[in-house]
Amino acid sequence: MAIDQQQLAQALDMVRPLILGHGGDIRVVEDSRQEGRVQVQLVGACRACPNIAMTFVGPVRTALLAVDGITEVECGQVRSSPRTLARLAGILGAAPVGSAS
């Protein structure tokens, strides 16, 4: 199933105000439409933020996984282990994180 581009834009529009409010922004750097994988980059103040993993796992990843066709969301800037990301997701009530994230 291909990624629904309209839903992707809406999901980004939904999380962007939160990120902009902290001096950052988000952009899609890779969109593997047929594979269901999206890679995002957090820019601006987000690059040096100690809470980047929480922002990614909480609102960003959860919103994007709700988009039809997206099965995996990645952010190369997040350096936390899959186990740590899974624990964060549990604490935040976010979409579960598997070993591929």
PDB file of N, CA and C in Angstrom:
ATOM      1  N   MET A   1       0.843  -1.177   0.000  1.00  0.00           N
ATOM      2  CA  MET A   1       0.000   0.000   0.000  1.00  0.00           C
ATOM      3  C   MET A   1       0.889   1.241   0.000  1.00  0.00           C
ATOM      4  N   ALA A   2       0.599   2.160  -0.875  1.00  0.00           N
ATOM      5  CA  ALA A   2       1.372   3.399  -0.957  1.00  0.00           C
ATOM      6  C   ALA A   2       0.981   4.341   0.183  1.00  0.00           C
ATOM      7  N   ILE A   3       1.915   5.166   0.563  1.00  0.00           N
ATOM      8  CA  ILE A   3       1.676   6.144   1.626  1.00  0.00           C
ATOM      9  C   ILE A   3       0.721   7.217   1.108  1.00  0.00           C
ATOM     10  N   ASP A   4      -0.296   7.505   1.895  1.00  0.00           N
ATOM     11  CA  ASP A   4      -1.257   8.548   1.546  1.00  0.00           C
ATOM     12  C   ASP A   4      -0.600   9.913   1.799  1.00  0.00           C
ATOM     13  N   GLN A   5      -0.248  10.598   0.722  1.00  0.00           N
ATOM     14  CA  GLN A   5       0.492  11.851   0.831  1.00  0.00           C
ATOM     15  C   GLN A   5      -0.316  12.964   1.483  1.00  0.00           C
ATOM     16  N   GLN A   6      -1.616  12.963   1.262  1.00  0.00           N
ATOM     17  CA  GLN A   6      -2.465  13.980   1.902  1.00  0.00           C
ATOM     18  C   GLN A   6      -2.505  13.770   3.413  1.00  0.00           C
ATOM     19  N   GLN A   7      -2.654  12.528   3.840  1.00  0.00           N
ATOM     20  CA  GLN A   7      -2.641  12.230   5.274  1.00  0.00           C
ATOM     21  C   GLN A   7      -1.282  12.533   5.888  1.00  0.00           C
ATOM     22  N   LEU A   8      -0.213  12.273   5.139  1.00  0.00           N
ATOM     23  CA  LEU A   8       1.137  12.571   5.635  1.00  0.00           C
ATOM     24  C   LEU A   8       1.277  14.070   5.871  1.00  0.00           C
ATOM     25  N   ALA A   9       0.825  14.870   4.919  1.00  0.00           N
ATOM     26  CA  ALA A   9       0.896  16.336   5.075  1.00  0.00           C
ATOM     27  C   ALA A   9       0.059  16.789   6.270  1.00  0.00           C
ATOM     28  N   GLN A  10      -1.102  16.194   6.465  1.00  0.00           N
ATOM     29  CA  GLN A  10      -1.960  16.554   7.597  1.00  0.00           C
ATOM     30  C   GLN A  10      -1.306  16.170   8.926  1.00  0.00           C
ATOM     31  N   ALA A  11      -0.664  15.006   8.969  1.00  0.00           N
ATOM     32  CA  ALA A  11       0.010  14.571  10.198  1.00  0.00           C
ATOM     33  C   ALA A  11       1.165  15.514  10.533  1.00  0.00           C
ATOM     34  N   LEU A  12       1.924  15.910   9.523  1.00  0.00           N
ATOM     35  CA  LEU A  12       3.013  16.858   9.757  1.00  0.00           C
ATOM     36  C   LEU A  12       2.472  18.205  10.228  1.00  0.00           C
ATOM     37  N   ASP A  13       1.371  18.633   9.633  1.00  0.00           N
ATOM     38  CA  ASP A  13       0.732  19.893  10.049  1.00  0.00           C
ATOM     39  C   ASP A  13       0.247  19.823  11.492  1.00  0.00           C
ATOM     40  N   MET A  14      -0.123  18.637  11.937  1.00  0.00           N
ATOM     41  CA  MET A  14      -0.620  18.461  13.297  1.00  0.00           C
ATOM     42  C   MET A  14       0.516  18.582  14.330  1.00  0.00           C
ATOM     43  N   VAL A  15       1.685  18.010  14.028  1.00  0.00           N
ATOM     44  CA  VAL A  15       2.785  18.031  15.000  1.00  0.00           C
ATOM     45  C   VAL A  15       3.688  19.257  14.855  1.00  0.00           C
ATOM     46  N   ARG A  16       3.657  19.877  13.709  1.00  0.00           N
ATOM     47  CA  ARG A  16       4.562  21.010  13.461  1.00  0.00           C
ATOM     48  C   ARG A  16       4.415  22.153  14.467  1.00  0.00           C
ATOM     49  N   PRO A  17       3.197  22.570  14.874  1.00  0.00           N
ATOM     50  CA  PRO A  17       3.096  23.675  15.841  1.00  0.00           C
ATOM     51  C   PRO A  17       3.820  23.393  17.160  1.00  0.00           C
ATOM     52  N   LEU A  18       3.764  22.169  17.629  1.00  0.00           N
ATOM     53  CA  LEU A  18       4.474  21.798  18.849  1.00  0.00           C
ATOM     54  C   LEU A  18       5.978  21.997  18.669  1.00  0.00           C
ATOM     55  N   ILE A  19       6.485  21.549  17.549  1.00  0.00           N
ATOM     56  CA  ILE A  19       7.918  21.631  17.283  1.00  0.00           C
ATOM     57  C   ILE A  19       8.339  23.081  17.033  1.00  0.00           C
ATOM     58  N   LEU A  20       7.538  23.822  16.271  1.00  0.00           N
ATOM     59  CA  LEU A  20       7.840  25.233  16.011  1.00  0.00           C
ATOM     60  C   LEU A  20       7.841  26.038  17.305  1.00  0.00           C
ATOM     61  N   GLY A  21       6.973  25.665  18.231  1.00  0.00           N
ATOM     62  CA  GLY A  21       6.889  26.359  19.511  1.00  0.00           C
ATOM     63  C   GLY A  21       8.146  26.241  20.351  1.00  0.00           C
ATOM     64  N   HIS A  22       8.996  25.294  19.994  1.00  0.00           N
ATOM     65  CA  HIS A  22      10.253  25.096  20.709  1.00  0.00           C
ATOM     66  C   HIS A  22      11.453  25.498  19.854  1.00  0.00           C
ATOM     67  N   GLY A  23      11.194  26.194  18.766  1.00  0.00           N
ATOM     68  CA  GLY A  23      12.276  26.697  17.930  1.00  0.00           C
ATOM     69  C   GLY A  23      12.806  25.726  16.903  1.00  0.00           C
ATOM     70  N   GLY A  24      12.054  24.679  16.619  1.00  0.00           N
ATOM     71  CA  GLY A  24      12.498  23.697  15.638  1.00  0.00           C
ATOM     72  C   GLY A  24      11.525  23.560  14.487  1.00  0.00           C
ATOM     73  N   ASP A  25      11.726  22.540  13.702  1.00  0.00           N
ATOM     74  CA  ASP A  25      10.808  22.207  12.612  1.00  0.00           C
ATOM     75  C   ASP A  25      11.061  20.753  12.234  1.00  0.00           C
ATOM     76  N   ILE A  26      10.207  20.230  11.369  1.00  0.00           N
ATOM     77  CA  ILE A  26      10.317  18.845  10.928  1.00  0.00           C
ATOM     78  C   ILE A  26      10.180  18.800   9.420  1.00  0.00           C
ATOM     79  N   ARG A  27      10.936  17.894   8.812  1.00  0.00           N
ATOM     80  CA  ARG A  27      10.788  17.680   7.371  1.00  0.00           C
ATOM     81  C   ARG A  27      11.016  16.207   7.049  1.00  0.00           C
ATOM     82  N   VAL A  28      10.385  15.777   5.980  1.00  0.00           N
ATOM     83  CA  VAL A  28      10.565  14.411   5.499  1.00  0.00           C
ATOM     84  C   VAL A  28      11.791  14.422   4.600  1.00  0.00           C
ATOM     85  N   VAL A  29      12.760  13.575   4.896  1.00  0.00           N
ATOM     86  CA  VAL A  29      13.970  13.510   4.082  1.00  0.00           C
ATOM     87  C   VAL A  29      13.968  12.310   3.148  1.00  0.00           C
ATOM     88  N   GLU A  30      13.146  11.327   3.459  1.00  0.00           N
ATOM     89  CA  GLU A  30      13.023  10.172   2.582  1.00  0.00           C
ATOM     90  C   GLU A  30      11.641   9.573   2.769  1.00  0.00           C
ATOM     91  N   ASP A  31      11.047   9.198   1.661  1.00  0.00           N
ATOM     92  CA  ASP A  31       9.696   8.656   1.662  1.00  0.00           C
ATOM     93  C   ASP A  31       9.698   7.452   0.726  1.00  0.00           C
ATOM     94  N   SER A  32       9.808   6.262   1.292  1.00  0.00           N
ATOM     95  CA  SER A  32       9.772   5.031   0.497  1.00  0.00           C
ATOM     96  C   SER A  32       8.319   4.595   0.387  1.00  0.00           C
ATOM     97  N   ARG A  33       7.625   5.169  -0.554  1.00  0.00           N
ATOM     98  CA  ARG A  33       6.167   5.025  -0.654  1.00  0.00           C
ATOM     99  C   ARG A  33       5.689   3.584  -0.714  1.00  0.00           C
ATOM    100  N   GLN A  34       6.360   2.766  -1.459  1.00  0.00           N
ATOM    101  CA  GLN A  34       5.907   1.383  -1.583  1.00  0.00           C
ATOM    102  C   GLN A  34       6.290   0.528  -0.389  1.00  0.00           C
ATOM    103  N   GLU A  35       7.344   0.907   0.310  1.00  0.00           N
ATOM    104  CA  GLU A  35       7.813   0.144   1.466  1.00  0.00           C
ATOM    105  C   GLU A  35       7.158   0.588   2.760  1.00  0.00           C
ATOM    106  N   GLY A  36       6.512   1.754   2.753  1.00  0.00           N
ATOM    107  CA  GLY A  36       5.847   2.235   3.955  1.00  0.00           C
ATOM    108  C   GLY A  36       6.765   2.881   4.967  1.00  0.00           C
ATOM    109  N   ARG A  37       7.972   3.246   4.540  1.00  0.00           N
ATOM    110  CA  ARG A  37       8.959   3.822   5.461  1.00  0.00           C
ATOM    111  C   ARG A  37       9.123   5.310   5.186  1.00  0.00           C
ATOM    112  N   VAL A  38       9.136   6.090   6.270  1.00  0.00           N
ATOM    113  CA  VAL A  38       9.353   7.532   6.181  1.00  0.00           C
ATOM    114  C   VAL A  38      10.500   7.878   7.122  1.00  0.00           C
ATOM    115  N   GLN A  39      11.432   8.682   6.616  1.00  0.00           N
ATOM    116  CA  GLN A  39      12.518   9.170   7.460  1.00  0.00           C
ATOM    117  C   GLN A  39      12.333  10.674   7.610  1.00  0.00           C
ATOM    118  N   VAL A  40      12.348  11.126   8.858  1.00  0.00           N
ATOM    119  CA  VAL A  40      12.177  12.544   9.134  1.00  0.00           C
ATOM    120  C   VAL A  40      13.455  13.122   9.727  1.00  0.00           C
ATOM    121  N   GLN A  41      13.542  14.439   9.647  1.00  0.00           N
ATOM    122  CA  GLN A  41      14.655  15.158  10.252  1.00  0.00           C
ATOM    123  C   GLN A  41      14.068  16.303  11.062  1.00  0.00           C
ATOM    124  N   LEU A  42      14.525  16.433  12.297  1.00  0.00           N
ATOM    125  CA  LEU A  42      14.139  17.542  13.149  1.00  0.00           C
ATOM    126  C   LEU A  42      15.238  18.591  13.033  1.00  0.00           C
ATOM    127  N   VAL A  43      14.854  19.818  12.746  1.00  0.00           N
ATOM    128  CA  VAL A  43      15.828  20.876  12.475  1.00  0.00           C
ATOM    129  C   VAL A  43      15.667  22.025  13.456  1.00  0.00           C
ATOM    130  N   GLY A  44      16.540  23.008  13.322  1.00  0.00           N
ATOM    131  CA  GLY A  44      16.495  24.165  14.222  1.00  0.00           C
ATOM    132  C   GLY A  44      16.946  23.767  15.608  1.00  0.00           C
ATOM    133  N   ALA A  45      16.259  24.285  16.618  1.00  0.00           N
ATOM    134  CA  ALA A  45      16.627  24.019  18.011  1.00  0.00           C
ATOM    135  C   ALA A  45      16.530  22.539  18.363  1.00  0.00           C
ATOM    136  N   CYS A  46      15.758  21.768  17.602  1.00  0.00           N
ATOM    137  CA  CYS A  46      15.608  20.337  17.887  1.00  0.00           C
ATOM    138  C   CYS A  46      16.933  19.577  17.782  1.00  0.00           C
ATOM    139  N   ARG A  47      17.821  20.062  16.940  1.00  0.00           N
ATOM    140  CA  ARG A  47      19.091  19.347  16.728  1.00  0.00           C
ATOM    141  C   ARG A  47      19.900  19.204  18.009  1.00  0.00           C
ATOM    142  N   ALA A  48      19.812  20.166  18.905  1.00  0.00           N
ATOM    143  CA  ALA A  48      20.593  20.122  20.145  1.00  0.00           C
ATOM    144  C   ALA A  48      19.737  19.824  21.372  1.00  0.00           C
ATOM    145  N   CYS A  49      18.481  19.504  21.165  1.00  0.00           N
ATOM    146  CA  CYS A  49      17.563  19.310  22.285  1.00  0.00           C
ATOM    147  C   CYS A  49      17.789  17.955  22.957  1.00  0.00           C
ATOM    148  N   PRO A  50      17.892  17.936  24.279  1.00  0.00           N
ATOM    149  CA  PRO A  50      18.070  16.663  24.976  1.00  0.00           C
ATOM    150  C   PRO A  50      16.805  15.799  24.967  1.00  0.00           C
ATOM    151  N   ASN A  51      15.679  16.380  24.587  1.00  0.00           N
ATOM    152  CA  ASN A  51      14.415  15.632  24.557  1.00  0.00           C
ATOM    153  C   ASN A  51      14.018  15.180  23.160  1.00  0.00           C
ATOM    154  N   ILE A  52      14.965  15.137  22.231  1.00  0.00           N
ATOM    155  CA  ILE A  52      14.644  14.791  20.850  1.00  0.00           C
ATOM    156  C   ILE A  52      14.018  13.388  20.746  1.00  0.00           C
ATOM    157  N   ALA A  53      14.492  12.446  21.541  1.00  0.00           N
ATOM    158  CA  ALA A  53      13.928  11.090  21.487  1.00  0.00           C
ATOM    159  C   ALA A  53      12.469  11.092  21.934  1.00  0.00           C
ATOM    160  N   MET A  54      12.159  11.860  22.961  1.00  0.00           N
ATOM    161  CA  MET A  54      10.775  11.938  23.441  1.00  0.00           C
ATOM    162  C   MET A  54       9.870  12.587  22.399  1.00  0.00           C
ATOM    163  N   THR A  55      10.349  13.643  21.763  1.00  0.00           N
ATOM    164  CA  THR A  55       9.558  14.306  20.725  1.00  0.00           C
ATOM    165  C   THR A  55       9.322  13.365  19.559  1.00  0.00           C
ATOM    166  N   PHE A  56      10.368  12.645  19.173  1.00  0.00           N
ATOM    167  CA  PHE A  56      10.235  11.710  18.059  1.00  0.00           C
ATOM    168  C   PHE A  56       9.269  10.574  18.384  1.00  0.00           C
ATOM    169  N   VAL A  57       9.482   9.902  19.500  1.00  0.00           N
ATOM    170  CA  VAL A  57       8.663   8.734  19.850  1.00  0.00           C
ATOM    171  C   VAL A  57       7.226   9.136  20.187  1.00  0.00           C
ATOM    172  N   GLY A  58       7.077  10.250  20.882  1.00  0.00           N
ATOM    173  CA  GLY A  58       5.744  10.675  21.300  1.00  0.00           C
ATOM    174  C   GLY A  58       4.908  11.198  20.148  1.00  0.00           C
ATOM    175  N   PRO A  59       4.868  12.495  19.948  1.00  0.00           N
ATOM    176  CA  PRO A  59       3.956  13.050  18.951  1.00  0.00           C
ATOM    177  C   PRO A  59       4.327  12.754  17.502  1.00  0.00           C
ATOM    178  N   VAL A  60       5.602  12.803  17.148  1.00  0.00           N
ATOM    179  CA  VAL A  60       5.984  12.663  15.741  1.00  0.00           C
ATOM    180  C   VAL A  60       5.708  11.261  15.218  1.00  0.00           C
ATOM    181  N   ARG A  61       6.326  10.281  15.812  1.00  0.00           N
ATOM    182  CA  ARG A  61       6.195   8.898  15.326  1.00  0.00           C
ATOM    183  C   ARG A  61       4.753   8.414  15.426  1.00  0.00           C
ATOM    184  N   THR A  62       4.092   8.740  16.513  1.00  0.00           N
ATOM    185  CA  THR A  62       2.708   8.302  16.695  1.00  0.00           C
ATOM    186  C   THR A  62       1.802   8.891  15.620  1.00  0.00           C
ATOM    187  N   ALA A  63       1.945  10.177  15.333  1.00  0.00           N
ATOM    188  CA  ALA A  63       1.109  10.823  14.311  1.00  0.00           C
ATOM    189  C   ALA A  63       1.384  10.241  12.933  1.00  0.00           C
ATOM    190  N   LEU A  64       2.643  10.005  12.622  1.00  0.00           N
ATOM    191  CA  LEU A  64       2.963   9.497  11.288  1.00  0.00           C
ATOM    192  C   LEU A  64       2.559   8.040  11.102  1.00  0.00           C
ATOM    193  N   LEU A  65       2.632   7.242  12.150  1.00  0.00           N
ATOM    194  CA  LEU A  65       2.191   5.849  12.028  1.00  0.00           C
ATOM    195  C   LEU A  65       0.681   5.733  11.823  1.00  0.00           C
ATOM    196  N   ALA A  66      -0.065   6.790  12.115  1.00  0.00           N
ATOM    197  CA  ALA A  66      -1.507   6.783  11.887  1.00  0.00           C
ATOM    198  C   ALA A  66      -1.859   7.027  10.416  1.00  0.00           C
ATOM    199  N   VAL A  67      -0.873   7.380   9.610  1.00  0.00           N
ATOM    200  CA  VAL A  67      -1.078   7.645   8.185  1.00  0.00           C
ATOM    201  C   VAL A  67      -1.178   6.322   7.434  1.00  0.00           C
ATOM    202  N   ASP A  68      -2.182   6.215   6.587  1.00  0.00           N
ATOM    203  CA  ASP A  68      -2.339   5.006   5.771  1.00  0.00           C
ATOM    204  C   ASP A  68      -1.088   4.766   4.938  1.00  0.00           C
ATOM    205  N   GLY A  69      -0.562   3.567   5.024  1.00  0.00           N
ATOM    206  CA  GLY A  69       0.598   3.172   4.239  1.00  0.00           C
ATOM    207  C   GLY A  69       1.921   3.280   4.971  1.00  0.00           C
ATOM    208  N   ILE A  70       1.980   4.024   6.080  1.00  0.00           N
ATOM    209  CA  ILE A  70       3.232   4.132   6.825  1.00  0.00           C
ATOM    210  C   ILE A  70       3.299   3.023   7.861  1.00  0.00           C
ATOM    211  N   THR A  71       4.378   2.255   7.783  1.00  0.00           N
ATOM    212  CA  THR A  71       4.591   1.158   8.723  1.00  0.00           C
ATOM    213  C   THR A  71       5.830   1.363   9.576  1.00  0.00           C
ATOM    214  N   GLU A  72       6.694   2.298   9.161  1.00  0.00           N
ATOM    215  CA  GLU A  72       7.928   2.533   9.889  1.00  0.00           C
ATOM    216  C   GLU A  72       8.319   4.006   9.767  1.00  0.00           C
ATOM    217  N   VAL A  73       8.718   4.600  10.888  1.00  0.00           N
ATOM    218  CA  VAL A  73       9.173   5.989  10.912  1.00  0.00           C
ATOM    219  C   VAL A  73      10.555   6.005  11.539  1.00  0.00           C
ATOM    220  N   GLU A  74      11.497   6.677  10.882  1.00  0.00           N
ATOM    221  CA  GLU A  74      12.869   6.741  11.367  1.00  0.00           C
ATOM    222  C   GLU A  74      13.311   8.195  11.501  1.00  0.00           C
ATOM    223  N   CYS A  75      14.236   8.415  12.413  1.00  0.00           N
ATOM    224  CA  CYS A  75      14.865   9.722  12.573  1.00  0.00           C
ATOM    225  C   CYS A  75      16.325   9.457  12.929  1.00  0.00           C
ATOM    226  N   GLY A  76      17.218   9.707  11.975  1.00  0.00           N
ATOM    227  CA  GLY A  76      18.631   9.416  12.157  1.00  0.00           C
ATOM    228  C   GLY A  76      19.276  10.184  13.292  1.00  0.00           C
ATOM    229  N   GLN A  77      18.649  11.261  13.730  1.00  0.00           N
ATOM    230  CA  GLN A  77      19.222  12.065  14.810  1.00  0.00           C
ATOM    231  C   GLN A  77      19.003  11.438  16.179  1.00  0.00           C
ATOM    232  N   VAL A  78      18.045  10.548  16.282  1.00  0.00           N
ATOM    233  CA  VAL A  78      17.741   9.911  17.561  1.00  0.00           C
ATOM    234  C   VAL A  78      18.740   8.775  17.764  1.00  0.00           C
ATOM    235  N   ARG A  79      19.551   8.902  18.796  1.00  0.00           N
ATOM    236  CA  ARG A  79      20.631   7.955  19.042  1.00  0.00           C
ATOM    237  C   ARG A  79      20.310   6.952  20.157  1.00  0.00           C
ATOM    238  N   SER A  80      19.082   6.890  20.572  1.00  0.00           N
ATOM    239  CA  SER A  80      18.687   5.976  21.647  1.00  0.00           C
ATOM    240  C   SER A  80      18.512   4.565  21.102  1.00  0.00           C
ATOM    241  N   SER A  81      18.724   3.587  21.951  1.00  0.00           N
ATOM    242  CA  SER A  81      18.559   2.191  21.556  1.00  0.00           C
ATOM    243  C   SER A  81      17.079   1.878  21.358  1.00  0.00           C
ATOM    244  N   PRO A  82      16.780   0.832  20.594  1.00  0.00           N
ATOM    245  CA  PRO A  82      15.380   0.423  20.434  1.00  0.00           C
ATOM    246  C   PRO A  82      14.706   0.136  21.777  1.00  0.00           C
ATOM    247  N   ARG A  83      15.451  -0.419  22.711  1.00  0.00           N
ATOM    248  CA  ARG A  83      14.884  -0.716  24.032  1.00  0.00           C
ATOM    249  C   ARG A  83      14.486   0.577  24.751  1.00  0.00           C
ATOM    250  N   THR A  84      15.365   1.571  24.700  1.00  0.00           N
ATOM    251  CA  THR A  84      15.061   2.857  25.326  1.00  0.00           C
ATOM    252  C   THR A  84      13.858   3.508  24.658  1.00  0.00           C
ATOM    253  N   LEU A  85      13.811   3.465  23.331  1.00  0.00           N
ATOM    254  CA  LEU A  85      12.672   4.044  22.608  1.00  0.00           C
ATOM    255  C   LEU A  85      11.376   3.323  22.963  1.00  0.00           C
ATOM    256  N   ALA A  86      11.438   2.013  23.118  1.00  0.00           N
ATOM    257  CA  ALA A  86      10.247   1.247  23.499  1.00  0.00           C
ATOM    258  C   ALA A  86       9.776   1.640  24.899  1.00  0.00           C
ATOM    259  N   ARG A  87      10.717   1.843  25.803  1.00  0.00           N
ATOM    260  CA  ARG A  87      10.351   2.264  27.161  1.00  0.00           C
ATOM    261  C   ARG A  87       9.727   3.659  27.136  1.00  0.00           C
ATOM    262  N   LEU A  88      10.301   4.572  26.359  1.00  0.00           N
ATOM    263  CA  LEU A  88       9.732   5.914  26.226  1.00  0.00           C
ATOM    264  C   LEU A  88       8.321   5.853  25.667  1.00  0.00           C
ATOM    265  N   ALA A  89       8.123   5.020  24.650  1.00  0.00           N
ATOM    266  CA  ALA A  89       6.793   4.890  24.052  1.00  0.00           C
ATOM    267  C   ALA A  89       5.792   4.411  25.095  1.00  0.00           C
ATOM    268  N   GLY A  90       6.200   3.464  25.924  1.00  0.00           N
ATOM    269  CA  GLY A  90       5.320   2.973  26.978  1.00  0.00           C
ATOM    270  C   GLY A  90       4.971   4.050  27.985  1.00  0.00           C
ATOM    271  N   ILE A  91       5.964   4.816  28.388  1.00  0.00           N
ATOM    272  CA  ILE A  91       5.747   5.899  29.354  1.00  0.00           C
ATOM    273  C   ILE A  91       4.827   6.970  28.775  1.00  0.00           C
ATOM    274  N   LEU A  92       5.026   7.285  27.484  1.00  0.00           N
ATOM    275  CA  LEU A  92       4.251   8.361  26.847  1.00  0.00           C
ATOM    276  C   LEU A  92       2.904   7.894  26.319  1.00  0.00           C
ATOM    277  N   GLY A  93       2.656   6.596  26.355  1.00  0.00           N
ATOM    278  CA  GLY A  93       1.416   6.075  25.787  1.00  0.00           C
ATOM    279  C   GLY A  93       1.398   6.212  24.274  1.00  0.00           C
ATOM    280  N   ALA A  94       2.570   6.149  23.675  1.00  0.00           N
ATOM    281  CA  ALA A  94       2.715   6.319  22.236  1.00  0.00           C
ATOM    282  C   ALA A  94       2.683   4.962  21.527  1.00  0.00           C
ATOM    283  N   ALA A  95       2.722   5.007  20.193  1.00  0.00           N
ATOM    284  CA  ALA A  95       2.741   3.787  19.405  1.00  0.00           C
ATOM    285  C   ALA A  95       3.932   2.944  19.830  1.00  0.00           C
ATOM    286  N   PRO A  96       3.751   1.632  19.971  1.00  0.00           N
ATOM    287  CA  PRO A  96       4.848   0.747  20.383  1.00  0.00           C
ATOM    288  C   PRO A  96       6.012   0.840  19.409  1.00  0.00           C
ATOM    289  N   VAL A  97       7.208   0.673  19.942  1.00  0.00           N
ATOM    290  CA  VAL A  97       8.427   0.707  19.142  1.00  0.00           C
ATOM    291  C   VAL A  97       9.005  -0.690  19.090  1.00  0.00           C
ATOM    292  N   GLY A  98       9.252  -1.170  17.875  1.00  0.00           N
ATOM    293  CA  GLY A  98       9.894  -2.461  17.707  1.00  0.00           C
ATOM    294  C   GLY A  98      11.379  -2.279  17.486  1.00  0.00           C
ATOM    295  N   SER A  99      12.068  -3.331  17.242  1.00  0.00           N
ATOM    296  CA  SER A  99      13.526  -3.270  17.079  1.00  0.00           C
ATOM    297  C   SER A  99      13.931  -2.543  15.800  1.00  0.00           C
ATOM    298  N   ALA A 100      12.997  -2.373  14.840  1.00  0.00           N
ATOM    299  CA  ALA A 100      13.339  -1.716  13.582  1.00  0.00           C
ATOM    300  C   ALA A 100      13.380  -0.203  13.690  1.00  0.00           C
ATOM    301  N   SER A 101      12.905   0.374  14.787  1.00  0.00           N
ATOM    302  CA  SER A 101      12.830   1.836  14.881  1.00  0.00           C
ATOM    303  C   SER A 101      14.047   2.450  15.370  1.00  0.00           C
TER     304      SER A 101
END
